[in-house]
Amino acid sequence: MLRKLVIGLGLGWIVLVLAVYSTFYLIGAFGYTKLYMEEVTPERVTEQYRWDGDERIAIGEAGLRKGMGRRALCFAVPDQGEERQLQAPSKRDRLPRYYEPWFTGKATVTCNDQVTIRSGTPLWMYDLTRSRLGMLGFAVVAALPLATVIVVTAFRSGAVKLHRR
């Protein structure tokens, strides 16, 4: 009876860890702002992202760009400080490009093509769930209690015996 309870708790723990990992993954995957430029005759209208300047941002490709290998260009215009050009990764690159703030205050970011911008907690969760160390950490946290239960149960049931000298 106790063994069934412990195995049930171990499986429940795995489900809980997988639910937390899935939540982190979804927040990281969908916690972004998409910027794009629309053609409006006779002017061009550009969406803007307001960068608070407290933390880094990651600019990624949005997957809808025309022309393979072409990089979108973004421009960060701080309220106080110099304007800088930021490059998005090319369509062939899978990893976003990270930028640290070089200014104090806030900045407005505009881009000449479709990009995704992540910052704050969604960026942290995006990095954690896509890194090998993060995936390994979640797997160990999920499996360790159940593995411990299996080993302890095997020793207690007599399936595994230690020979003493």
N, C-alpha and C. Protein backbone atom coordinates (compact mmCIF):
# COMPACT_ATOMS: atom_id res chain seq x y z
N MET A 1 0.82 -1.20 0.00
CA MET A 1 0.00 0.00 0.00
C MET A 1 0.87 1.26 0.00
N LEU A 2 1.87 1.27 0.87
CA LEU A 2 2.75 2.43 0.95
C LEU A 2 3.53 2.61 -0.35
N ARG A 3 3.93 1.50 -0.95
CA ARG A 3 4.69 1.58 -2.19
C ARG A 3 3.86 2.22 -3.30
N LYS A 4 2.58 1.85 -3.39
CA LYS A 4 1.70 2.44 -4.40
C LYS A 4 1.53 3.94 -4.16
N LEU A 5 1.41 4.32 -2.90
CA LEU A 5 1.27 5.74 -2.57
C LEU A 5 2.52 6.51 -2.96
N VAL A 6 3.68 5.96 -2.65
CA VAL A 6 4.94 6.64 -2.97
C VAL A 6 5.14 6.73 -4.48
N ILE A 7 4.82 5.66 -5.20
CA ILE A 7 4.94 5.70 -6.67
C ILE A 7 3.95 6.70 -7.24
N GLY A 8 2.74 6.74 -6.70
CA GLY A 8 1.74 7.73 -7.15
C GLY A 8 2.21 9.15 -6.91
N LEU A 9 2.81 9.39 -5.74
CA LEU A 9 3.35 10.72 -5.45
C LEU A 9 4.50 11.06 -6.39
N GLY A 10 5.35 10.07 -6.69
CA GLY A 10 6.46 10.30 -7.63
C GLY A 10 5.95 10.66 -9.02
N LEU A 11 4.94 9.93 -9.48
CA LEU A 11 4.36 10.25 -10.80
C LEU A 11 3.66 11.61 -10.78
N GLY A 12 2.99 11.91 -9.67
CA GLY A 12 2.37 13.24 -9.53
C GLY A 12 3.41 14.35 -9.58
N TRP A 13 4.57 14.11 -8.96
CA TRP A 13 5.67 15.08 -8.99
C TRP A 13 6.14 15.31 -10.43
N ILE A 14 6.29 14.22 -11.20
CA ILE A 14 6.71 14.35 -12.60
C ILE A 14 5.70 15.17 -13.39
N VAL A 15 4.41 14.91 -13.18
CA VAL A 15 3.37 15.67 -13.88
C VAL A 15 3.44 17.14 -13.49
N LEU A 16 3.67 17.43 -12.21
CA LEU A 16 3.78 18.82 -11.76
C LEU A 16 4.97 19.52 -12.40
N VAL A 17 6.12 18.86 -12.43
CA VAL A 17 7.32 19.46 -13.03
C VAL A 17 7.10 19.68 -14.53
N LEU A 18 6.48 18.72 -15.20
CA LEU A 18 6.18 18.89 -16.63
C LEU A 18 5.20 20.05 -16.86
N ALA A 19 4.24 20.22 -15.97
CA ALA A 19 3.30 21.34 -16.10
C ALA A 19 4.03 22.67 -15.93
N VAL A 20 4.94 22.75 -14.97
CA VAL A 20 5.72 23.98 -14.77
C VAL A 20 6.59 24.25 -15.99
N TYR A 21 7.26 23.21 -16.49
CA TYR A 21 8.11 23.37 -17.68
C TYR A 21 7.27 23.83 -18.87
N SER A 22 6.11 23.23 -19.06
CA SER A 22 5.23 23.61 -20.17
C SER A 22 4.78 25.06 -20.05
N THR A 23 4.47 25.49 -18.83
CA THR A 23 4.07 26.88 -18.61
C THR A 23 5.23 27.82 -18.95
N PHE A 24 6.42 27.52 -18.47
CA PHE A 24 7.59 28.33 -18.79
C PHE A 24 7.82 28.38 -20.30
N TYR A 25 7.70 27.21 -20.94
CA TYR A 25 7.94 27.13 -22.38
C TYR A 25 6.93 27.99 -23.15
N LEU A 26 5.66 27.90 -22.78
CA LEU A 26 4.63 28.66 -23.49
C LEU A 26 4.77 30.16 -23.26
N ILE A 27 5.09 30.56 -22.03
CA ILE A 27 5.29 31.99 -21.76
C ILE A 27 6.49 32.49 -22.55
N GLY A 28 7.57 31.72 -22.58
CA GLY A 28 8.74 32.10 -23.36
C GLY A 28 8.47 32.12 -24.85
N ALA A 29 7.69 31.17 -25.33
CA ALA A 29 7.42 31.07 -26.77
C ALA A 29 6.48 32.16 -27.26
N PHE A 30 5.49 32.51 -26.46
CA PHE A 30 4.48 33.46 -26.92
C PHE A 30 4.53 34.81 -26.22
N GLY A 31 5.50 35.03 -25.35
CA GLY A 31 5.62 36.30 -24.64
C GLY A 31 6.52 37.27 -25.38
N TYR A 32 6.11 37.67 -26.56
CA TYR A 32 6.92 38.58 -27.35
C TYR A 32 6.04 39.66 -27.96
N THR A 33 6.69 40.68 -28.47
CA THR A 33 6.02 41.72 -29.23
C THR A 33 6.47 41.58 -30.67
N LYS A 34 5.53 41.61 -31.59
CA LYS A 34 5.87 41.49 -33.01
C LYS A 34 5.78 42.88 -33.63
N LEU A 35 6.88 43.31 -34.22
CA LEU A 35 6.91 44.59 -34.92
C LEU A 35 6.92 44.35 -36.41
N TYR A 36 6.20 45.16 -37.13
CA TYR A 36 6.26 45.06 -38.59
C TYR A 36 5.91 46.40 -39.20
N MET A 37 6.27 46.53 -40.46
CA MET A 37 6.01 47.77 -41.19
C MET A 37 4.93 47.50 -42.22
N GLU A 38 3.94 48.35 -42.24
CA GLU A 38 2.87 48.23 -43.22
C GLU A 38 3.05 49.29 -44.29
N GLU A 39 2.73 48.93 -45.51
CA GLU A 39 2.73 49.90 -46.60
C GLU A 39 1.38 50.61 -46.60
N VAL A 40 1.40 51.88 -46.35
CA VAL A 40 0.18 52.68 -46.42
C VAL A 40 0.47 53.83 -47.36
N THR A 41 -0.28 53.92 -48.41
CA THR A 41 0.00 54.95 -49.41
C THR A 41 -0.36 56.32 -48.87
N PRO A 42 0.42 57.30 -49.09
CA PRO A 42 1.75 57.32 -49.67
C PRO A 42 2.84 57.17 -48.61
N GLU A 43 2.49 56.94 -47.36
CA GLU A 43 3.49 56.88 -46.30
C GLU A 43 3.67 55.45 -45.80
N ARG A 44 4.71 55.24 -45.04
CA ARG A 44 4.90 53.95 -44.39
C ARG A 44 4.63 54.13 -42.90
N VAL A 45 3.88 53.22 -42.36
CA VAL A 45 3.55 53.27 -40.94
C VAL A 45 4.33 52.14 -40.26
N THR A 46 5.04 52.47 -39.21
CA THR A 46 5.86 51.49 -38.51
C THR A 46 5.36 51.33 -37.08
N GLU A 47 5.23 50.08 -36.66
CA GLU A 47 4.91 49.84 -35.26
C GLU A 47 6.14 50.15 -34.42
N GLN A 48 5.91 50.47 -33.17
CA GLN A 48 7.01 50.83 -32.28
C GLN A 48 6.98 49.96 -31.03
N TYR A 49 8.17 49.70 -30.51
CA TYR A 49 8.32 49.00 -29.24
C TYR A 49 8.97 49.97 -28.27
N ARG A 50 8.43 50.07 -27.07
CA ARG A 50 8.99 50.98 -26.07
C ARG A 50 9.88 50.17 -25.13
N TRP A 51 11.18 50.38 -25.24
CA TRP A 51 12.18 49.67 -24.44
C TRP A 51 12.43 50.48 -23.18
N ASP A 52 12.22 49.86 -22.01
CA ASP A 52 12.37 50.61 -20.76
C ASP A 52 13.82 50.83 -20.37
N GLY A 53 14.75 50.10 -20.96
CA GLY A 53 16.18 50.33 -20.72
C GLY A 53 16.71 49.72 -19.44
N ASP A 54 15.87 49.01 -18.68
CA ASP A 54 16.33 48.38 -17.45
C ASP A 54 16.97 47.03 -17.70
N GLU A 55 16.58 46.37 -18.77
CA GLU A 55 17.09 45.03 -19.03
C GLU A 55 17.31 44.83 -20.52
N ARG A 56 18.00 43.74 -20.83
CA ARG A 56 18.32 43.47 -22.23
C ARG A 56 17.08 43.03 -23.00
N ILE A 57 17.18 43.12 -24.31
CA ILE A 57 16.12 42.63 -25.18
C ILE A 57 16.72 41.62 -26.16
N ALA A 58 15.87 40.79 -26.71
CA ALA A 58 16.27 39.83 -27.74
C ALA A 58 15.42 40.09 -28.97
N ILE A 59 16.08 40.29 -30.10
CA ILE A 59 15.36 40.50 -31.36
C ILE A 59 15.50 39.22 -32.17
N GLY A 60 14.37 38.66 -32.55
CA GLY A 60 14.35 37.43 -33.33
C GLY A 60 13.62 37.62 -34.63
N GLU A 61 13.82 36.67 -35.53
CA GLU A 61 13.13 36.76 -36.81
C GLU A 61 11.69 36.29 -36.64
N ALA A 62 10.78 36.91 -37.40
CA ALA A 62 9.36 36.60 -37.27
C ALA A 62 8.92 35.51 -38.22
N GLY A 63 9.78 35.10 -39.14
CA GLY A 63 9.46 34.01 -40.03
C GLY A 63 8.66 34.40 -41.26
N LEU A 64 8.35 35.66 -41.43
CA LEU A 64 7.53 36.07 -42.56
C LEU A 64 8.25 37.03 -43.49
N ARG A 65 9.57 37.11 -43.36
CA ARG A 65 10.34 38.04 -44.17
C ARG A 65 10.45 37.62 -45.61
N LYS A 66 10.49 38.60 -46.47
CA LYS A 66 10.71 38.32 -47.89
C LYS A 66 12.20 38.22 -48.12
N GLY A 67 12.64 37.23 -48.85
CA GLY A 67 14.06 37.15 -49.18
C GLY A 67 14.87 36.40 -48.16
N MET A 68 15.35 35.25 -48.54
CA MET A 68 16.16 34.42 -47.65
C MET A 68 17.48 35.11 -47.33
N GLY A 69 17.90 35.04 -46.09
CA GLY A 69 19.20 35.57 -45.72
C GLY A 69 19.21 37.07 -45.44
N ARG A 70 18.14 37.74 -45.74
CA ARG A 70 18.07 39.18 -45.52
C ARG A 70 17.81 39.46 -44.05
N ARG A 71 18.52 40.41 -43.51
CA ARG A 71 18.34 40.77 -42.10
C ARG A 71 17.46 42.00 -41.99
N ALA A 72 16.57 41.96 -41.03
CA ALA A 72 15.78 43.15 -40.73
C ALA A 72 16.65 44.10 -39.92
N LEU A 73 16.48 45.36 -40.14
CA LEU A 73 17.20 46.38 -39.37
C LEU A 73 16.22 47.07 -38.44
N CYS A 74 16.67 47.27 -37.22
CA CYS A 74 15.87 48.00 -36.25
C CYS A 74 16.68 49.21 -35.78
N PHE A 75 15.98 50.21 -35.35
CA PHE A 75 16.62 51.43 -34.88
C PHE A 75 16.10 51.75 -33.48
N ALA A 76 17.02 51.89 -32.53
CA ALA A 76 16.66 52.25 -31.17
C ALA A 76 16.99 53.72 -30.97
N VAL A 77 15.97 54.50 -30.66
CA VAL A 77 16.14 55.94 -30.45
C VAL A 77 15.81 56.23 -28.99
N PRO A 78 16.85 56.41 -28.15
CA PRO A 78 16.60 56.70 -26.74
C PRO A 78 16.08 58.12 -26.53
N ASP A 79 15.37 58.29 -25.42
CA ASP A 79 14.95 59.64 -25.04
C ASP A 79 16.17 60.50 -24.75
N GLN A 80 17.20 59.87 -24.14
CA GLN A 80 18.47 60.56 -23.88
C GLN A 80 19.59 59.62 -24.29
N GLY A 81 20.36 60.02 -25.26
CA GLY A 81 21.46 59.18 -25.72
C GLY A 81 21.48 59.07 -27.23
N GLU A 82 22.45 58.30 -27.71
CA GLU A 82 22.63 58.19 -29.16
C GLU A 82 21.77 57.09 -29.76
N GLU A 83 21.32 57.32 -30.98
CA GLU A 83 20.55 56.32 -31.72
C GLU A 83 21.50 55.22 -32.19
N ARG A 84 21.01 53.97 -32.16
CA ARG A 84 21.82 52.85 -32.64
C ARG A 84 20.99 51.96 -33.55
N GLN A 85 21.72 51.33 -34.46
CA GLN A 85 21.09 50.37 -35.37
C GLN A 85 21.25 48.97 -34.77
N LEU A 86 20.16 48.22 -34.72
CA LEU A 86 20.17 46.86 -34.18
C LEU A 86 19.78 45.91 -35.31
N GLN A 87 20.52 44.81 -35.44
CA GLN A 87 20.22 43.85 -36.50
C GLN A 87 19.48 42.65 -35.94
N ALA A 88 18.46 42.24 -36.65
CA ALA A 88 17.78 40.99 -36.33
C ALA A 88 18.58 39.86 -36.98
N PRO A 89 18.41 38.64 -36.50
CA PRO A 89 19.11 37.53 -37.16
C PRO A 89 18.53 37.29 -38.55
N SER A 90 19.33 36.69 -39.41
CA SER A 90 18.81 36.34 -40.73
C SER A 90 17.84 35.17 -40.59
N LYS A 91 17.12 34.90 -41.65
CA LYS A 91 16.13 33.83 -41.61
C LYS A 91 16.78 32.47 -41.37
N ARG A 92 18.03 32.32 -41.76
CA ARG A 92 18.74 31.05 -41.54
C ARG A 92 19.16 30.87 -40.09
N ASP A 93 19.35 31.98 -39.38
CA ASP A 93 19.73 31.90 -37.97
C ASP A 93 18.50 31.54 -37.15
N ARG A 94 18.68 30.71 -36.17
CA ARG A 94 17.56 30.33 -35.31
C ARG A 94 17.58 31.09 -33.98
N LEU A 95 18.74 31.54 -33.57
CA LEU A 95 18.86 32.19 -32.27
C LEU A 95 18.64 33.69 -32.39
N PRO A 96 17.98 34.28 -31.40
CA PRO A 96 17.80 35.73 -31.44
C PRO A 96 19.11 36.46 -31.14
N ARG A 97 19.13 37.74 -31.43
CA ARG A 97 20.28 38.59 -31.08
C ARG A 97 19.92 39.39 -29.84
N TYR A 98 20.87 39.43 -28.91
CA TYR A 98 20.65 40.10 -27.63
C TYR A 98 21.32 41.46 -27.63
N TYR A 99 20.64 42.43 -27.02
CA TYR A 99 21.18 43.78 -26.91
C TYR A 99 21.00 44.29 -25.49
N GLU A 100 22.09 44.79 -24.93
CA GLU A 100 22.08 45.41 -23.61
C GLU A 100 21.80 46.90 -23.77
N PRO A 101 21.10 47.52 -22.82
CA PRO A 101 20.86 48.96 -22.93
C PRO A 101 22.15 49.75 -22.75
N TRP A 102 22.38 50.73 -23.57
CA TRP A 102 23.55 51.60 -23.50
C TRP A 102 23.13 53.01 -23.07
N PHE A 103 21.89 53.15 -22.70
CA PHE A 103 21.31 54.46 -22.40
C PHE A 103 20.59 54.39 -21.06
N THR A 104 20.24 55.55 -20.55
CA THR A 104 19.41 55.61 -19.35
C THR A 104 18.03 56.09 -19.78
N GLY A 105 17.03 55.64 -19.10
CA GLY A 105 15.67 56.02 -19.47
C GLY A 105 15.06 55.02 -20.43
N LYS A 106 14.26 55.52 -21.35
CA LYS A 106 13.54 54.66 -22.30
C LYS A 106 13.97 54.95 -23.72
N ALA A 107 13.67 54.00 -24.60
CA ALA A 107 13.98 54.16 -26.02
C ALA A 107 12.83 53.61 -26.85
N THR A 108 12.70 54.13 -28.06
CA THR A 108 11.71 53.65 -29.01
C THR A 108 12.42 52.83 -30.07
N VAL A 109 11.94 51.60 -30.29
CA VAL A 109 12.54 50.70 -31.28
C VAL A 109 11.57 50.54 -32.44
N THR A 110 12.07 50.79 -33.65
CA THR A 110 11.30 50.56 -34.87
C THR A 110 12.13 49.67 -35.79
N CYS A 111 11.46 48.93 -36.65
CA CYS A 111 12.16 48.00 -37.55
C CYS A 111 11.64 48.14 -38.97
N ASN A 112 12.48 47.77 -39.94
CA ASN A 112 12.09 47.88 -41.34
C ASN A 112 11.46 46.60 -41.88
N ASP A 113 11.31 45.59 -41.04
CA ASP A 113 10.69 44.34 -41.44
C ASP A 113 10.15 43.65 -40.19
N GLN A 114 9.49 42.52 -40.37
CA GLN A 114 8.88 41.83 -39.24
C GLN A 114 9.93 41.19 -38.34
N VAL A 115 9.83 41.48 -37.05
CA VAL A 115 10.70 40.87 -36.04
C VAL A 115 9.89 40.60 -34.78
N THR A 116 10.45 39.78 -33.90
CA THR A 116 9.87 39.59 -32.57
C THR A 116 10.86 40.15 -31.56
N ILE A 117 10.32 40.77 -30.51
CA ILE A 117 11.16 41.33 -29.45
C ILE A 117 10.69 40.76 -28.12
N ARG A 118 11.64 40.22 -27.36
CA ARG A 118 11.35 39.68 -26.03
C ARG A 118 12.19 40.45 -25.01
N SER A 119 11.63 40.59 -23.82
CA SER A 119 12.39 41.19 -22.72
C SER A 119 11.78 40.72 -21.41
N GLY A 120 12.49 40.93 -20.33
CA GLY A 120 11.97 40.62 -19.01
C GLY A 120 11.79 39.14 -18.75
N THR A 121 10.73 38.80 -18.03
CA THR A 121 10.45 37.43 -17.64
C THR A 121 10.24 36.50 -18.84
N PRO A 122 9.49 36.90 -19.88
CA PRO A 122 9.37 35.99 -21.03
C PRO A 122 10.72 35.66 -21.67
N LEU A 123 11.65 36.61 -21.70
CA LEU A 123 12.98 36.34 -22.26
C LEU A 123 13.74 35.36 -21.38
N TRP A 124 13.65 35.55 -20.06
CA TRP A 124 14.31 34.65 -19.12
C TRP A 124 13.77 33.23 -19.29
N MET A 125 12.45 33.08 -19.40
CA MET A 125 11.83 31.76 -19.57
C MET A 125 12.16 31.16 -20.93
N TYR A 126 12.23 31.99 -21.95
CA TYR A 126 12.61 31.53 -23.30
C TYR A 126 14.02 30.94 -23.27
N ASP A 127 14.94 31.67 -22.65
CA ASP A 127 16.33 31.19 -22.57
C ASP A 127 16.43 29.91 -21.73
N LEU A 128 15.72 29.86 -20.61
CA LEU A 128 15.79 28.70 -19.72
C LEU A 128 15.28 27.43 -20.39
N THR A 129 14.14 27.52 -21.06
CA THR A 129 13.53 26.31 -21.64
C THR A 129 14.21 25.87 -22.93
N ARG A 130 15.03 26.71 -23.52
CA ARG A 130 15.71 26.33 -24.75
C ARG A 130 17.18 25.98 -24.56
N SER A 131 17.68 26.19 -23.35
CA SER A 131 19.08 25.84 -23.10
C SER A 131 19.17 24.37 -22.70
N ARG A 132 20.26 23.73 -23.05
CA ARG A 132 20.44 22.32 -22.68
C ARG A 132 20.53 22.15 -21.17
N LEU A 133 21.17 23.10 -20.52
CA LEU A 133 21.29 23.02 -19.07
C LEU A 133 19.91 23.13 -18.41
N GLY A 134 19.07 24.02 -18.93
CA GLY A 134 17.72 24.16 -18.39
C GLY A 134 16.89 22.90 -18.58
N MET A 135 16.97 22.32 -19.77
CA MET A 135 16.23 21.07 -20.04
C MET A 135 16.72 19.94 -19.14
N LEU A 136 18.04 19.84 -18.99
CA LEU A 136 18.61 18.80 -18.13
C LEU A 136 18.18 19.01 -16.68
N GLY A 137 18.19 20.27 -16.24
CA GLY A 137 17.76 20.58 -14.88
C GLY A 137 16.33 20.17 -14.61
N PHE A 138 15.43 20.49 -15.55
CA PHE A 138 14.03 20.09 -15.38
C PHE A 138 13.90 18.56 -15.37
N ALA A 139 14.65 17.88 -16.23
CA ALA A 139 14.58 16.41 -16.28
C ALA A 139 15.07 15.80 -14.97
N VAL A 140 16.15 16.33 -14.41
CA VAL A 140 16.68 15.80 -13.15
C VAL A 140 15.70 16.06 -12.01
N VAL A 141 15.16 17.27 -11.95
CA VAL A 141 14.20 17.60 -10.89
C VAL A 141 12.97 16.70 -10.99
N ALA A 142 12.55 16.38 -12.21
CA ALA A 142 11.38 15.52 -12.40
C ALA A 142 11.68 14.08 -12.04
N ALA A 143 12.83 13.57 -12.44
CA ALA A 143 13.11 12.14 -12.32
C ALA A 143 13.75 11.73 -10.99
N LEU A 144 14.44 12.64 -10.33
CA LEU A 144 15.19 12.26 -9.13
C LEU A 144 14.32 11.66 -8.02
N PRO A 145 13.19 12.27 -7.66
CA PRO A 145 12.38 11.65 -6.60
C PRO A 145 11.88 10.25 -6.98
N LEU A 146 11.44 10.08 -8.23
CA LEU A 146 10.95 8.76 -8.64
C LEU A 146 12.08 7.74 -8.68
N ALA A 147 13.24 8.14 -9.15
CA ALA A 147 14.39 7.23 -9.17
C ALA A 147 14.78 6.83 -7.75
N THR A 148 14.72 7.77 -6.82
CA THR A 148 15.03 7.47 -5.42
C THR A 148 14.03 6.45 -4.87
N VAL A 149 12.76 6.65 -5.18
CA VAL A 149 11.73 5.71 -4.71
C VAL A 149 11.98 4.31 -5.27
N ILE A 150 12.33 4.22 -6.54
CA ILE A 150 12.58 2.92 -7.17
C ILE A 150 13.77 2.22 -6.51
N VAL A 151 14.83 2.95 -6.27
CA VAL A 151 16.03 2.36 -5.64
C VAL A 151 15.73 1.92 -4.22
N VAL A 152 15.06 2.77 -3.44
CA VAL A 152 14.74 2.41 -2.05
C VAL A 152 13.81 1.21 -2.01
N THR A 153 12.82 1.19 -2.89
CA THR A 153 11.89 0.05 -2.95
C THR A 153 12.62 -1.23 -3.31
N ALA A 154 13.55 -1.15 -4.25
CA ALA A 154 14.31 -2.34 -4.65
C ALA A 154 15.14 -2.88 -3.49
N PHE A 155 15.77 -2.01 -2.71
CA PHE A 155 16.56 -2.47 -1.57
C PHE A 155 15.68 -3.05 -0.47
N ARG A 156 14.54 -2.42 -0.21
CA ARG A 156 13.66 -2.89 0.86
C ARG A 156 12.99 -4.21 0.53
N SER A 157 12.67 -4.40 -0.74
CA SER A 157 11.98 -5.64 -1.13
C SER A 157 12.94 -6.83 -1.21
N GLY A 158 14.21 -6.57 -1.21
CA GLY A 158 15.19 -7.64 -1.28
C GLY A 158 15.62 -7.99 -2.68
N ALA A 159 15.11 -7.25 -3.68
CA ALA A 159 15.50 -7.51 -5.07
C ALA A 159 16.98 -7.19 -5.28
N VAL A 160 17.48 -6.24 -4.53
CA VAL A 160 18.89 -5.87 -4.61
C VAL A 160 19.47 -6.04 -3.20
N LYS A 161 20.55 -6.79 -3.12
CA LYS A 161 21.18 -7.01 -1.82
C LYS A 161 22.63 -6.56 -1.87
N LEU A 162 23.04 -6.00 -0.77
CA LEU A 162 24.44 -5.62 -0.62
C LEU A 162 25.16 -6.74 0.11
N HIS A 163 26.27 -7.15 -0.40
CA HIS A 163 27.07 -8.18 0.25
C HIS A 163 28.07 -7.50 1.16
N ARG A 164 28.02 -7.87 2.42
CA ARG A 164 28.95 -7.29 3.39
C ARG A 164 30.07 -8.27 3.65
N ARG A 165 31.24 -7.74 3.82
CA ARG A 165 32.42 -8.58 4.08
C ARG A 165 32.76 -8.59 5.53
